[in-house]
PDB file of N, CA and C in Angstrom:
ATOM      1  N   UNK A   1      77.128  73.571  80.941  1.00  0.00           N
ATOM      2  CA  UNK A   1      77.565  73.683  79.563  1.00  0.00           C
ATOM      3  C   UNK A   1      79.054  73.335  79.406  1.00  0.00           C
ATOM      4  N   UNK A   2      79.883  73.774  80.361  1.00  0.00           N
ATOM      5  CA  UNK A   2      81.309  73.454  80.293  1.00  0.00           C
ATOM      6  C   UNK A   2      81.695  72.291  81.195  1.00  0.00           C
ATOM      7  N   UNK A   3      80.809  71.910  82.099  1.00  0.00           N
ATOM      8  CA  UNK A   3      81.122  70.863  83.053  1.00  0.00           C
ATOM      9  C   UNK A   3      81.518  69.569  82.349  1.00  0.00           C
ATOM     10  N   UNK A   4      82.628  68.998  82.835  1.00  0.00           N
ATOM     11  CA  UNK A   4      83.127  67.753  82.269  1.00  0.00           C
ATOM     12  C   UNK A   4      84.066  67.935  81.094  1.00  0.00           C
ATOM     13  N   UNK A   5      84.264  69.162  80.656  1.00  0.00           N
ATOM     14  CA  UNK A   5      85.199  69.437  79.558  1.00  0.00           C
ATOM     15  C   UNK A   5      86.627  69.475  80.097  1.00  0.00           C
ATOM     16  N   UNK A   6      87.585  69.467  79.191  1.00  0.00           N
ATOM     17  CA  UNK A   6      88.995  69.571  79.539  1.00  0.00           C
ATOM     18  C   UNK A   6      89.588  70.781  78.828  1.00  0.00           C
ATOM     19  N   UNK A   7      90.308  71.594  79.595  1.00  0.00           N
ATOM     20  CA  UNK A   7      90.938  72.799  79.039  1.00  0.00           C
ATOM     21  C   UNK A   7      92.448  72.736  79.211  1.00  0.00           C
ATOM     22  N   UNK A   8      93.141  73.399  78.312  1.00  0.00           N
ATOM     23  CA  UNK A   8      94.573  73.621  78.432  1.00  0.00           C
ATOM     24  C   UNK A   8      94.764  75.132  78.446  1.00  0.00           C
ATOM     25  N   UNK A   9      95.434  75.641  79.483  1.00  0.00           N
ATOM     26  CA  UNK A   9      95.683  77.076  79.614  1.00  0.00           C
ATOM     27  C   UNK A   9      97.189  77.296  79.633  1.00  0.00           C
ATOM     28  N   UNK A  10      97.707  78.010  78.655  1.00  0.00           N
ATOM     29  CA  UNK A  10      99.147  78.305  78.634  1.00  0.00           C
ATOM     30  C   UNK A  10      99.426  79.488  79.553  1.00  0.00           C
ATOM     31  N   UNK A  11     100.642  79.526  80.080  1.00  0.00           N
ATOM     32  CA  UNK A  11     101.034  80.632  80.941  1.00  0.00           C
ATOM     33  C   UNK A  11     100.136  80.749  82.159  1.00  0.00           C
ATOM     34  N   UNK A  12      99.892  79.636  82.833  1.00  0.00           N
ATOM     35  CA  UNK A  12      98.902  79.642  83.906  1.00  0.00           C
ATOM     36  C   UNK A  12      99.494  79.571  85.310  1.00  0.00           C
ATOM     37  N   UNK A  13     100.738  79.976  85.458  1.00  0.00           N
ATOM     38  CA  UNK A  13     101.360  79.942  86.781  1.00  0.00           C
ATOM     39  C   UNK A  13     100.974  81.141  87.636  1.00  0.00           C
ATOM     40  N   UNK A  14     100.544  82.233  87.002  1.00  0.00           N
ATOM     41  CA  UNK A  14     100.184  83.434  87.769  1.00  0.00           C
ATOM     42  C   UNK A  14      99.325  84.354  86.909  1.00  0.00           C
ATOM     43  N   UNK A  15      98.859  85.417  87.495  1.00  0.00           N
ATOM     44  CA  UNK A  15      98.140  86.453  86.771  1.00  0.00           C
ATOM     45  C   UNK A  15      96.887  85.978  86.071  1.00  0.00           C
ATOM     46  N   UNK A  16      96.689  86.489  84.872  1.00  0.00           N
ATOM     47  CA  UNK A  16      95.486  86.198  84.093  1.00  0.00           C
ATOM     48  C   UNK A  16      95.351  84.702  83.818  1.00  0.00           C
ATOM     49  N   UNK A  17      96.440  84.039  83.457  1.00  0.00           N
ATOM     50  CA  UNK A  17      96.386  82.610  83.152  1.00  0.00           C
ATOM     51  C   UNK A  17      95.935  81.783  84.344  1.00  0.00           C
ATOM     52  N   UNK A  18      96.478  82.074  85.527  1.00  0.00           N
ATOM     53  CA  UNK A  18      96.056  81.357  86.735  1.00  0.00           C
ATOM     54  C   UNK A  18      94.592  81.645  87.020  1.00  0.00           C
ATOM     55  N   UNK A  19      94.192  82.885  86.863  1.00  0.00           N
ATOM     56  CA  UNK A  19      92.797  83.259  87.096  1.00  0.00           C
ATOM     57  C   UNK A  19      91.839  82.537  86.160  1.00  0.00           C
ATOM     58  N   UNK A  20      92.195  82.449  84.896  1.00  0.00           N
ATOM     59  CA  UNK A  20      91.363  81.738  83.915  1.00  0.00           C
ATOM     60  C   UNK A  20      91.279  80.256  84.273  1.00  0.00           C
ATOM     61  N   UNK A  21      92.411  79.654  84.609  1.00  0.00           N
ATOM     62  CA  UNK A  21      92.437  78.232  84.949  1.00  0.00           C
ATOM     63  C   UNK A  21      91.532  77.933  86.146  1.00  0.00           C
ATOM     64  N   UNK A  22      91.616  78.756  87.171  1.00  0.00           N
ATOM     65  CA  UNK A  22      90.798  78.551  88.368  1.00  0.00           C
ATOM     66  C   UNK A  22      89.320  78.787  88.054  1.00  0.00           C
ATOM     67  N   UNK A  23      89.010  79.799  87.283  1.00  0.00           N
ATOM     68  CA  UNK A  23      87.613  80.072  86.918  1.00  0.00           C
ATOM     69  C   UNK A  23      87.030  78.913  86.115  1.00  0.00           C
ATOM     70  N   UNK A  24      87.808  78.354  85.205  1.00  0.00           N
ATOM     71  CA  UNK A  24      87.343  77.183  84.454  1.00  0.00           C
ATOM     72  C   UNK A  24      87.037  76.025  85.411  1.00  0.00           C
ATOM     73  N   UNK A  25      87.896  75.819  86.389  1.00  0.00           N
ATOM     74  CA  UNK A  25      87.659  74.759  87.373  1.00  0.00           C
ATOM     75  C   UNK A  25      86.387  75.035  88.173  1.00  0.00           C
ATOM     76  N   UNK A  26      86.137  76.290  88.483  1.00  0.00           N
ATOM     77  CA  UNK A  26      84.928  76.662  89.237  1.00  0.00           C
ATOM     78  C   UNK A  26      83.649  76.283  88.495  1.00  0.00           C
ATOM     79  N   UNK A  27      83.704  76.270  87.171  1.00  0.00           N
ATOM     80  CA  UNK A  27      82.507  75.927  86.395  1.00  0.00           C
ATOM     81  C   UNK A  27      82.514  74.469  85.934  1.00  0.00           C
ATOM     82  N   UNK A  28      83.417  73.657  86.509  1.00  0.00           N
ATOM     83  CA  UNK A  28      83.375  72.229  86.271  1.00  0.00           C
ATOM     84  C   UNK A  28      84.313  71.669  85.232  1.00  0.00           C
ATOM     85  N   UNK A  29      85.328  72.433  84.858  1.00  0.00           N
ATOM     86  CA  UNK A  29      86.280  71.999  83.829  1.00  0.00           C
ATOM     87  C   UNK A  29      87.532  71.411  84.491  1.00  0.00           C
ATOM     88  N   UNK A  30      88.047  70.309  83.958  1.00  0.00           N
ATOM     89  CA  UNK A  30      89.366  69.800  84.342  1.00  0.00           C
ATOM     90  C   UNK A  30      90.380  70.614  83.555  1.00  0.00           C
ATOM     91  N   UNK A  31      91.477  70.996  84.226  1.00  0.00           N
ATOM     92  CA  UNK A  31      92.371  71.977  83.615  1.00  0.00           C
ATOM     93  C   UNK A  31      93.820  71.510  83.585  1.00  0.00           C
ATOM     94  N   UNK A  32      94.395  71.525  82.376  1.00  0.00           N
ATOM     95  CA  UNK A  32      95.831  71.343  82.203  1.00  0.00           C
ATOM     96  C   UNK A  32      96.453  72.730  82.262  1.00  0.00           C
ATOM     97  N   UNK A  33      97.424  72.881  83.138  1.00  0.00           N
ATOM     98  CA  UNK A  33      98.087  74.171  83.287  1.00  0.00           C
ATOM     99  C   UNK A  33      99.528  74.039  82.834  1.00  0.00           C
ATOM    100  N   UNK A  34     100.040  75.092  82.211  1.00  0.00           N
ATOM    101  CA  UNK A  34     101.386  75.024  81.650  1.00  0.00           C
ATOM    102  C   UNK A  34     102.164  76.293  81.936  1.00  0.00           C
ATOM    103  N   UNK A  35     103.480  76.110  82.010  1.00  0.00           N
ATOM    104  CA  UNK A  35     104.423  77.228  82.180  1.00  0.00           C
ATOM    105  C   UNK A  35     105.807  76.700  81.848  1.00  0.00           C
ATOM    106  N   UNK A  36     106.759  77.599  81.765  1.00  0.00           N
ATOM    107  CA  UNK A  36     108.127  77.183  81.480  1.00  0.00           C
ATOM    108  C   UNK A  36     108.765  76.458  82.659  1.00  0.00           C
ATOM    109  N   UNK A  37     108.313  76.756  83.875  1.00  0.00           N
ATOM    110  CA  UNK A  37     108.835  76.125  85.083  1.00  0.00           C
ATOM    111  C   UNK A  37     107.719  75.368  85.785  1.00  0.00           C
ATOM    112  N   UNK A  38     107.820  74.050  85.874  1.00  0.00           N
ATOM    113  CA  UNK A  38     106.773  73.227  86.482  1.00  0.00           C
ATOM    114  C   UNK A  38     106.463  73.638  87.915  1.00  0.00           C
ATOM    115  N   UNK A  39     107.502  73.930  88.701  1.00  0.00           N
ATOM    116  CA  UNK A  39     107.280  74.266  90.106  1.00  0.00           C
ATOM    117  C   UNK A  39     106.447  75.537  90.281  1.00  0.00           C
ATOM    118  N   UNK A  40     106.436  76.394  89.287  1.00  0.00           N
ATOM    119  CA  UNK A  40     105.651  77.631  89.384  1.00  0.00           C
ATOM    120  C   UNK A  40     104.149  77.371  89.260  1.00  0.00           C
ATOM    121  N   UNK A  41     103.770  76.146  88.894  1.00  0.00           N
ATOM    122  CA  UNK A  41     102.358  75.795  88.706  1.00  0.00           C
ATOM    123  C   UNK A  41     101.709  75.204  89.949  1.00  0.00           C
ATOM    124  N   UNK A  42     102.483  74.961  90.995  1.00  0.00           N
ATOM    125  CA  UNK A  42     101.975  74.266  92.177  1.00  0.00           C
ATOM    126  C   UNK A  42     100.778  74.960  92.811  1.00  0.00           C
ATOM    127  N   UNK A  43     100.834  76.267  92.989  1.00  0.00           N
ATOM    128  CA  UNK A  43      99.731  76.980  93.634  1.00  0.00           C
ATOM    129  C   UNK A  43      98.460  76.916  92.793  1.00  0.00           C
ATOM    130  N   UNK A  44      98.593  77.119  91.490  1.00  0.00           N
ATOM    131  CA  UNK A  44      97.416  77.050  90.616  1.00  0.00           C
ATOM    132  C   UNK A  44      96.821  75.647  90.641  1.00  0.00           C
ATOM    133  N   UNK A  45      97.656  74.625  90.593  1.00  0.00           N
ATOM    134  CA  UNK A  45      97.175  73.237  90.643  1.00  0.00           C
ATOM    135  C   UNK A  45      96.426  72.973  91.944  1.00  0.00           C
ATOM    136  N   UNK A  46      96.964  73.458  93.047  1.00  0.00           N
ATOM    137  CA  UNK A  46      96.308  73.265  94.346  1.00  0.00           C
ATOM    138  C   UNK A  46      94.937  73.929  94.381  1.00  0.00           C
ATOM    139  N   UNK A  47      94.835  75.115  93.819  1.00  0.00           N
ATOM    140  CA  UNK A  47      93.550  75.823  93.797  1.00  0.00           C
ATOM    141  C   UNK A  47      92.515  75.071  92.959  1.00  0.00           C
ATOM    142  N   UNK A  48      92.957  74.507  91.837  1.00  0.00           N
ATOM    143  CA  UNK A  48      92.048  73.745  90.969  1.00  0.00           C
ATOM    144  C   UNK A  48      91.574  72.484  91.689  1.00  0.00           C
ATOM    145  N   UNK A  49      92.501  71.764  92.287  1.00  0.00           N
ATOM    146  CA  UNK A  49      92.159  70.523  92.991  1.00  0.00           C
ATOM    147  C   UNK A  49      91.257  70.793  94.188  1.00  0.00           C
ATOM    148  N   UNK A  50      91.436  71.925  94.854  1.00  0.00           N
ATOM    149  CA  UNK A  50      90.583  72.293  95.992  1.00  0.00           C
ATOM    150  C   UNK A  50      89.136  72.491  95.562  1.00  0.00           C
ATOM    151  N   UNK A  51      88.931  72.761  94.288  1.00  0.00           N
ATOM    152  CA  UNK A  51      87.581  72.923  93.740  1.00  0.00           C
ATOM    153  C   UNK A  51      86.993  71.588  93.279  1.00  0.00           C
ATOM    154  N   UNK A  52      87.734  70.507  93.502  1.00  0.00           N
ATOM    155  CA  UNK A  52      87.238  69.183  93.139  1.00  0.00           C
ATOM    156  C   UNK A  52      87.430  68.813  91.684  1.00  0.00           C
ATOM    157  N   UNK A  53      88.269  69.535  90.980  1.00  0.00           N
ATOM    158  CA  UNK A  53      88.533  69.247  89.562  1.00  0.00           C
ATOM    159  C   UNK A  53      89.911  68.628  89.415  1.00  0.00           C
ATOM    160  N   UNK A  54      90.108  67.917  88.312  1.00  0.00           N
ATOM    161  CA  UNK A  54      91.420  67.352  88.008  1.00  0.00           C
ATOM    162  C   UNK A  54      92.298  68.444  87.416  1.00  0.00           C
ATOM    163  N   UNK A  55      93.575  68.369  87.745  1.00  0.00           N
ATOM    164  CA  UNK A  55      94.556  69.303  87.197  1.00  0.00           C
ATOM    165  C   UNK A  55      95.781  68.506  86.779  1.00  0.00           C
ATOM    166  N   UNK A  56      96.378  68.925  85.682  1.00  0.00           N
ATOM    167  CA  UNK A  56      97.618  68.312  85.226  1.00  0.00           C
ATOM    168  C   UNK A  56      98.565  69.434  84.829  1.00  0.00           C
ATOM    169  N   UNK A  57      99.790  69.375  85.339  1.00  0.00           N
ATOM    170  CA  UNK A  57     100.787  70.403  85.048  1.00  0.00           C
ATOM    171  C   UNK A  57     101.781  69.897  84.012  1.00  0.00           C
ATOM    172  N   UNK A  58     102.067  70.734  83.027  1.00  0.00           N
ATOM    173  CA  UNK A  58     103.029  70.367  81.987  1.00  0.00           C
ATOM    174  C   UNK A  58     103.981  71.527  81.733  1.00  0.00           C
ATOM    175  N   UNK A  59     105.243  71.192  81.575  1.00  0.00           N
ATOM    176  CA  UNK A  59     106.233  72.195  81.190  1.00  0.00           C
ATOM    177  C   UNK A  59     106.003  72.521  79.720  1.00  0.00           C
ATOM    178  N   UNK A  60     105.911  73.807  79.410  1.00  0.00           N
ATOM    179  CA  UNK A  60     105.636  74.197  78.025  1.00  0.00           C
ATOM    180  C   UNK A  60     106.381  75.469  77.669  1.00  0.00           C
ATOM    181  N   UNK A  61     107.168  75.376  76.622  1.00  0.00           N
ATOM    182  CA  UNK A  61     107.816  76.532  76.012  1.00  0.00           C
ATOM    183  C   UNK A  61     107.106  76.738  74.686  1.00  0.00           C
ATOM    184  N   UNK A  62     106.265  77.764  74.600  1.00  0.00           N
ATOM    185  CA  UNK A  62     105.387  77.927  73.438  1.00  0.00           C
ATOM    186  C   UNK A  62     106.124  78.240  72.138  1.00  0.00           C
ATOM    187  N   UNK A  63     107.409  78.515  72.203  1.00  0.00           N
ATOM    188  CA  UNK A  63     108.169  78.767  70.975  1.00  0.00           C
ATOM    189  C   UNK A  63     108.856  77.516  70.452  1.00  0.00           C
ATOM    190  N   UNK A  64     108.708  76.398  71.151  1.00  0.00           N
ATOM    191  CA  UNK A  64     109.372  75.148  70.794  1.00  0.00           C
ATOM    192  C   UNK A  64     108.323  74.152  70.304  1.00  0.00           C
ATOM    193  N   UNK A  65     108.238  73.966  68.982  1.00  0.00           N
ATOM    194  CA  UNK A  65     107.194  73.119  68.408  1.00  0.00           C
ATOM    195  C   UNK A  65     107.231  71.686  68.907  1.00  0.00           C
ATOM    196  N   UNK A  66     108.409  71.108  69.084  1.00  0.00           N
ATOM    197  CA  UNK A  66     108.460  69.733  69.580  1.00  0.00           C
ATOM    198  C   UNK A  66     107.970  69.671  71.027  1.00  0.00           C
ATOM    199  N   UNK A  67     108.271  70.680  71.824  1.00  0.00           N
ATOM    200  CA  UNK A  67     107.781  70.721  73.204  1.00  0.00           C
ATOM    201  C   UNK A  67     106.265  70.900  73.235  1.00  0.00           C
ATOM    202  N   UNK A  68     105.721  71.675  72.312  1.00  0.00           N
ATOM    203  CA  UNK A  68     104.266  71.845  72.228  1.00  0.00           C
ATOM    204  C   UNK A  68     103.616  70.490  71.982  1.00  0.00           C
ATOM    205  N   UNK A  69     104.136  69.746  71.007  1.00  0.00           N
ATOM    206  CA  UNK A  69     103.574  68.417  70.695  1.00  0.00           C
ATOM    207  C   UNK A  69     103.658  67.476  71.899  1.00  0.00           C
ATOM    208  N   UNK A  70     104.804  67.480  72.572  1.00  0.00           N
ATOM    209  CA  UNK A  70     104.997  66.631  73.749  1.00  0.00           C
ATOM    210  C   UNK A  70     104.025  67.011  74.861  1.00  0.00           C
ATOM    211  N   UNK A  71     103.872  68.290  75.113  1.00  0.00           N
ATOM    212  CA  UNK A  71     102.991  68.752  76.189  1.00  0.00           C
ATOM    213  C   UNK A  71     101.537  68.388  75.896  1.00  0.00           C
ATOM    214  N   UNK A  72     101.099  68.598  74.670  1.00  0.00           N
ATOM    215  CA  UNK A  72      99.715  68.268  74.297  1.00  0.00           C
ATOM    216  C   UNK A  72      99.476  66.765  74.445  1.00  0.00           C
ATOM    217  N   UNK A  73     100.419  65.955  73.981  1.00  0.00           N
ATOM    218  CA  UNK A  73     100.277  64.500  74.108  1.00  0.00           C
ATOM    219  C   UNK A  73     100.202  64.093  75.578  1.00  0.00           C
ATOM    220  N   UNK A  74     101.011  64.701  76.404  1.00  0.00           N
ATOM    221  CA  UNK A  74     101.018  64.393  77.828  1.00  0.00           C
ATOM    222  C   UNK A  74      99.705  64.805  78.489  1.00  0.00           C
ATOM    223  N   UNK A  75      99.191  65.968  78.131  1.00  0.00           N
ATOM    224  CA  UNK A  75      97.903  66.424  78.655  1.00  0.00           C
ATOM    225  C   UNK A  75      96.800  65.448  78.263  1.00  0.00           C
ATOM    226  N   UNK A  76      96.760  65.082  76.989  1.00  0.00           N
ATOM    227  CA  UNK A  76      95.709  64.184  76.521  1.00  0.00           C
ATOM    228  C   UNK A  76      95.829  62.796  77.147  1.00  0.00           C
ATOM    229  N   UNK A  77      97.039  62.349  77.411  1.00  0.00           N
ATOM    230  CA  UNK A  77      97.238  61.057  78.056  1.00  0.00           C
ATOM    231  C   UNK A  77      96.725  61.098  79.498  1.00  0.00           C
ATOM    232  N   UNK A  78      96.854  62.244  80.165  1.00  0.00           N
ATOM    233  CA  UNK A  78      96.476  62.349  81.567  1.00  0.00           C
ATOM    234  C   UNK A  78      95.053  62.836  81.811  1.00  0.00           C
ATOM    235  N   UNK A  79      94.530  63.692  80.938  1.00  0.00           N
ATOM    236  CA  UNK A  79      93.192  64.255  81.145  1.00  0.00           C
ATOM    237  C   UNK A  79      92.202  63.917  80.041  1.00  0.00           C
ATOM    238  N   UNK A  80      92.685  63.371  78.936  1.00  0.00           N
ATOM    239  CA  UNK A  80      91.807  63.096  77.803  1.00  0.00           C
ATOM    240  C   UNK A  80      91.881  64.210  76.774  1.00  0.00           C
ATOM    241  N   UNK A  81      91.036  64.130  75.744  1.00  0.00           N
ATOM    242  CA  UNK A  81      91.070  65.127  74.665  1.00  0.00           C
ATOM    243  C   UNK A  81      90.835  66.556  75.182  1.00  0.00           C
ATOM    244  N   UNK A  82      91.511  67.488  74.568  1.00  0.00           N
ATOM    245  CA  UNK A  82      91.381  68.899  74.946  1.00  0.00           C
ATOM    246  C   UNK A  82      90.186  69.497  74.218  1.00  0.00           C
ATOM    247  N   UNK A  83      89.251  70.038  74.995  1.00  0.00           N
ATOM    248  CA  UNK A  83      88.057  70.678  74.435  1.00  0.00           C
ATOM    249  C   UNK A  83      88.215  72.195  74.318  1.00  0.00           C
ATOM    250  N   UNK A  84      89.007  72.769  75.211  1.00  0.00           N
ATOM    251  CA  UNK A  84      89.141  74.227  75.312  1.00  0.00           C
ATOM    252  C   UNK A  84      90.622  74.563  75.341  1.00  0.00           C
ATOM    253  N   UNK A  85      91.040  75.519  74.523  1.00  0.00           N
ATOM    254  CA  UNK A  85      92.419  75.989  74.533  1.00  0.00           C
ATOM    255  C   UNK A  85      92.421  77.482  74.813  1.00  0.00           C
ATOM    256  N   UNK A  86      93.180  77.875  75.830  1.00  0.00           N
ATOM    257  CA  UNK A  86      93.359  79.298  76.143  1.00  0.00           C
ATOM    258  C   UNK A  86      94.830  79.627  75.927  1.00  0.00           C
ATOM    259  N   UNK A  87      95.111  80.330  74.834  1.00  0.00           N
ATOM    260  CA  UNK A  87      96.479  80.749  74.508  1.00  0.00           C
ATOM    261  C   UNK A  87      96.783  82.031  75.275  1.00  0.00           C
ATOM    262  N   UNK A  88      97.166  81.879  76.525  1.00  0.00           N
ATOM    263  CA  UNK A  88      97.394  83.021  77.396  1.00  0.00           C
ATOM    264  C   UNK A  88      98.857  83.445  77.478  1.00  0.00           C
ATOM    265  N   UNK A  89      99.793  82.536  77.240  1.00  0.00           N
ATOM    266  CA  UNK A  89     101.216  82.844  77.415  1.00  0.00           C
ATOM    267  C   UNK A  89     101.606  84.043  76.559  1.00  0.00           C
ATOM    268  N   UNK A  90     102.337  84.939  77.155  1.00  0.00           N
ATOM    269  CA  UNK A  90     102.793  86.122  76.424  1.00  0.00           C
ATOM    270  C   UNK A  90     103.845  86.858  77.225  1.00  0.00           C
ATOM    271  N   UNK A  91     104.596  87.674  76.526  1.00  0.00           N
ATOM    272  CA  UNK A  91     105.624  88.474  77.201  1.00  0.00           C
ATOM    273  C   UNK A  91     105.571  89.904  76.696  1.00  0.00           C
ATOM    274  N   UNK A  92     106.205  90.765  77.456  1.00  0.00           N
ATOM    275  CA  UNK A  92     106.394  92.153  77.068  1.00  0.00           C
ATOM    276  C   UNK A  92     107.733  92.591  77.632  1.00  0.00           C
ATOM    277  N   UNK A  93     108.403  93.438  76.930  1.00  0.00           N
ATOM    278  CA  UNK A  93     109.641  94.022  77.433  1.00  0.00           C
ATOM    279  C   UNK A  93     109.336  95.498  77.648  1.00  0.00           C
ATOM    280  N   UNK A  94     109.047  95.865  78.895  1.00  0.00           N
ATOM    281  CA  UNK A  94     108.574  97.221  79.169  1.00  0.00           C
ATOM    282  C   UNK A  94     109.669  98.289  79.052  1.00  0.00           C
ATOM    283  N   UNK A  95     109.697  98.890  77.893  1.00  0.00           N
ATOM    284  CA  UNK A  95     110.616 100.010  77.646  1.00  0.00           C
ATOM    285  C   UNK A  95     110.115 100.747  76.413  1.00  0.00           C
ATOM    286  N   UNK A  96     110.570 101.936  76.204  1.00  0.00           N
ATOM    287  CA  UNK A  96     110.143 102.659  75.005  1.00  0.00           C
ATOM    288  C   UNK A  96     110.485 101.871  73.741  1.00  0.00           C
ATOM    289  N   UNK A  97     109.617 101.931  72.764  1.00  0.00           N
ATOM    290  CA  UNK A  97     109.805 101.183  71.521  1.00  0.00           C
ATOM    291  C   UNK A  97     111.153 101.481  70.870  1.00  0.00           C
ATOM    292  N   UNK A  98     111.616 102.689  70.996  1.00  0.00           N
ATOM    293  CA  UNK A  98     112.891 103.068  70.379  1.00  0.00           C
ATOM    294  C   UNK A  98     114.087 102.402  71.055  1.00  0.00           C
ATOM    295  N   UNK A  99     113.868 101.782  72.221  1.00  0.00           N
ATOM    296  CA  UNK A  99     114.958 101.118  72.946  1.00  0.00           C
ATOM    297  C   UNK A  99     114.902  99.595  72.835  1.00  0.00           C
ATOM    298  N   UNK A 100     113.899  99.060  72.163  1.00  0.00           N
ATOM    299  CA  UNK A 100     113.775  97.613  72.005  1.00  0.00           C
ATOM    300  C   UNK A 100     114.736  97.152  70.924  1.00  0.00           C
ATOM    301  N   UNK A 101     115.539  96.134  71.256  1.00  0.00           N
ATOM    302  CA  UNK A 101     116.496  95.613  70.281  1.00  0.00           C
ATOM    303  C   UNK A 101     115.787  94.650  69.328  1.00  0.00           C
ATOM    304  N   UNK A 102     116.442  94.328  68.242  1.00  0.00           N
ATOM    305  CA  UNK A 102     115.873  93.378  67.291  1.00  0.00           C
ATOM    306  C   UNK A 102     115.696  92.001  67.945  1.00  0.00           C
ATOM    307  N   UNK A 103     116.672  91.565  68.746  1.00  0.00           N
ATOM    308  CA  UNK A 103     116.554  90.280  69.433  1.00  0.00           C
ATOM    309  C   UNK A 103     115.367  90.268  70.393  1.00  0.00           C
ATOM    310  N   UNK A 104     115.154  91.356  71.107  1.00  0.00           N
ATOM    311  CA  UNK A 104     114.003  91.442  72.014  1.00  0.00           C
ATOM    312  C   UNK A 104     112.697  91.414  71.230  1.00  0.00           C
ATOM    313  N   UNK A 105     112.640  92.120  70.120  1.00  0.00           N
ATOM    314  CA  UNK A 105     111.439  92.124  69.285  1.00  0.00           C
ATOM    315  C   UNK A 105     111.151  90.719  68.747  1.00  0.00           C
ATOM    316  N   UNK A 106     112.206  90.022  68.304  1.00  0.00           N
ATOM    317  CA  UNK A 106     112.035  88.651  67.823  1.00  0.00           C
ATOM    318  C   UNK A 106     111.491  87.752  68.930  1.00  0.00           C
ATOM    319  N   UNK A 107     111.988  87.931  70.147  1.00  0.00           N
ATOM    320  CA  UNK A 107     111.510  87.139  71.284  1.00  0.00           C
ATOM    321  C   UNK A 107     110.022  87.416  71.550  1.00  0.00           C
ATOM    322  N   UNK A 108     109.620  88.668  71.524  1.00  0.00           N
ATOM    323  CA  UNK A 108     108.216  89.036  71.726  1.00  0.00           C
ATOM    324  C   UNK A 108     107.340  88.391  70.655  1.00  0.00           C
ATOM    325  N   UNK A 109     107.761  88.469  69.398  1.00  0.00           N
ATOM    326  CA  UNK A 109     106.981  87.871  68.313  1.00  0.00           C
ATOM    327  C   UNK A 109     106.922  86.354  68.419  1.00  0.00           C
ATOM    328  N   UNK A 110     108.048  85.740  68.785  1.00  0.00           N
ATOM    329  CA  UNK A 110     108.065  84.278  68.923  1.00  0.00           C
ATOM    330  C   UNK A 110     107.076  83.806  69.984  1.00  0.00           C
ATOM    331  N   UNK A 111     107.074  84.450  71.136  1.00  0.00           N
ATOM    332  CA  UNK A 111     106.182  84.029  72.216  1.00  0.00           C
ATOM    333  C   UNK A 111     104.734  84.419  71.921  1.00  0.00           C
ATOM    334  N   UNK A 112     104.514  85.677  71.582  1.00  0.00           N
ATOM    335  CA  UNK A 112     103.141  86.194  71.472  1.00  0.00           C
ATOM    336  C   UNK A 112     102.424  85.803  70.184  1.00  0.00           C
ATOM    337  N   UNK A 113     103.142  85.607  69.102  1.00  0.00           N
ATOM    338  CA  UNK A 113     102.506  85.240  67.831  1.00  0.00           C
ATOM    339  C   UNK A 113     102.741  83.777  67.466  1.00  0.00           C
ATOM    340  N   UNK A 114     103.998  83.392  67.377  1.00  0.00           N
ATOM    341  CA  UNK A 114     104.295  82.005  67.028  1.00  0.00           C
ATOM    342  C   UNK A 114     103.709  81.051  68.055  1.00  0.00           C
ATOM    343  N   UNK A 115     103.862  81.394  69.330  1.00  0.00           N
ATOM    344  CA  UNK A 115     103.340  80.553  70.400  1.00  0.00           C
ATOM    345  C   UNK A 115     101.842  80.378  70.329  1.00  0.00           C
ATOM    346  N   UNK A 116     101.116  81.432  70.029  1.00  0.00           N
ATOM    347  CA  UNK A 116      99.660  81.347  69.934  1.00  0.00           C
ATOM    348  C   UNK A 116      99.243  80.586  68.672  1.00  0.00           C
ATOM    349  N   UNK A 117      99.976  80.770  67.599  1.00  0.00           N
ATOM    350  CA  UNK A 117      99.614  80.120  66.340  1.00  0.00           C
ATOM    351  C   UNK A 117      99.799  78.606  66.390  1.00  0.00           C
ATOM    352  N   UNK A 118     100.979  78.175  66.908  1.00  0.00           N
ATOM    353  CA  UNK A 118     101.275  76.737  66.932  1.00  0.00           C
ATOM    354  C   UNK A 118     100.741  76.052  68.168  1.00  0.00           C
TER     355      UNK A 118
END
């Protein structure tokens, strides 16, 4: 059902995002993986390729609309049209809510909401 599709997974250098990307590859999906640092994607890319699927790594800052457009265009140029999008990128600032600054709150909203929306 998913075999031969192409997915883009944001925040896929580690944790849940890496796990989702690898699982998609296990079921036959070619996977574009993204993170703020390209070198952090090497292990995930290797795991996908070891499963016999294509992988493409793109630098992506989900709060930067021009970077989003560039990354999507690059993914589509290298893997073809995107069939599946996993908006996994997110951040948290682990501290009591009463200690979160306005700038930190804005950063959380930009990544977790704006990033997922755009």
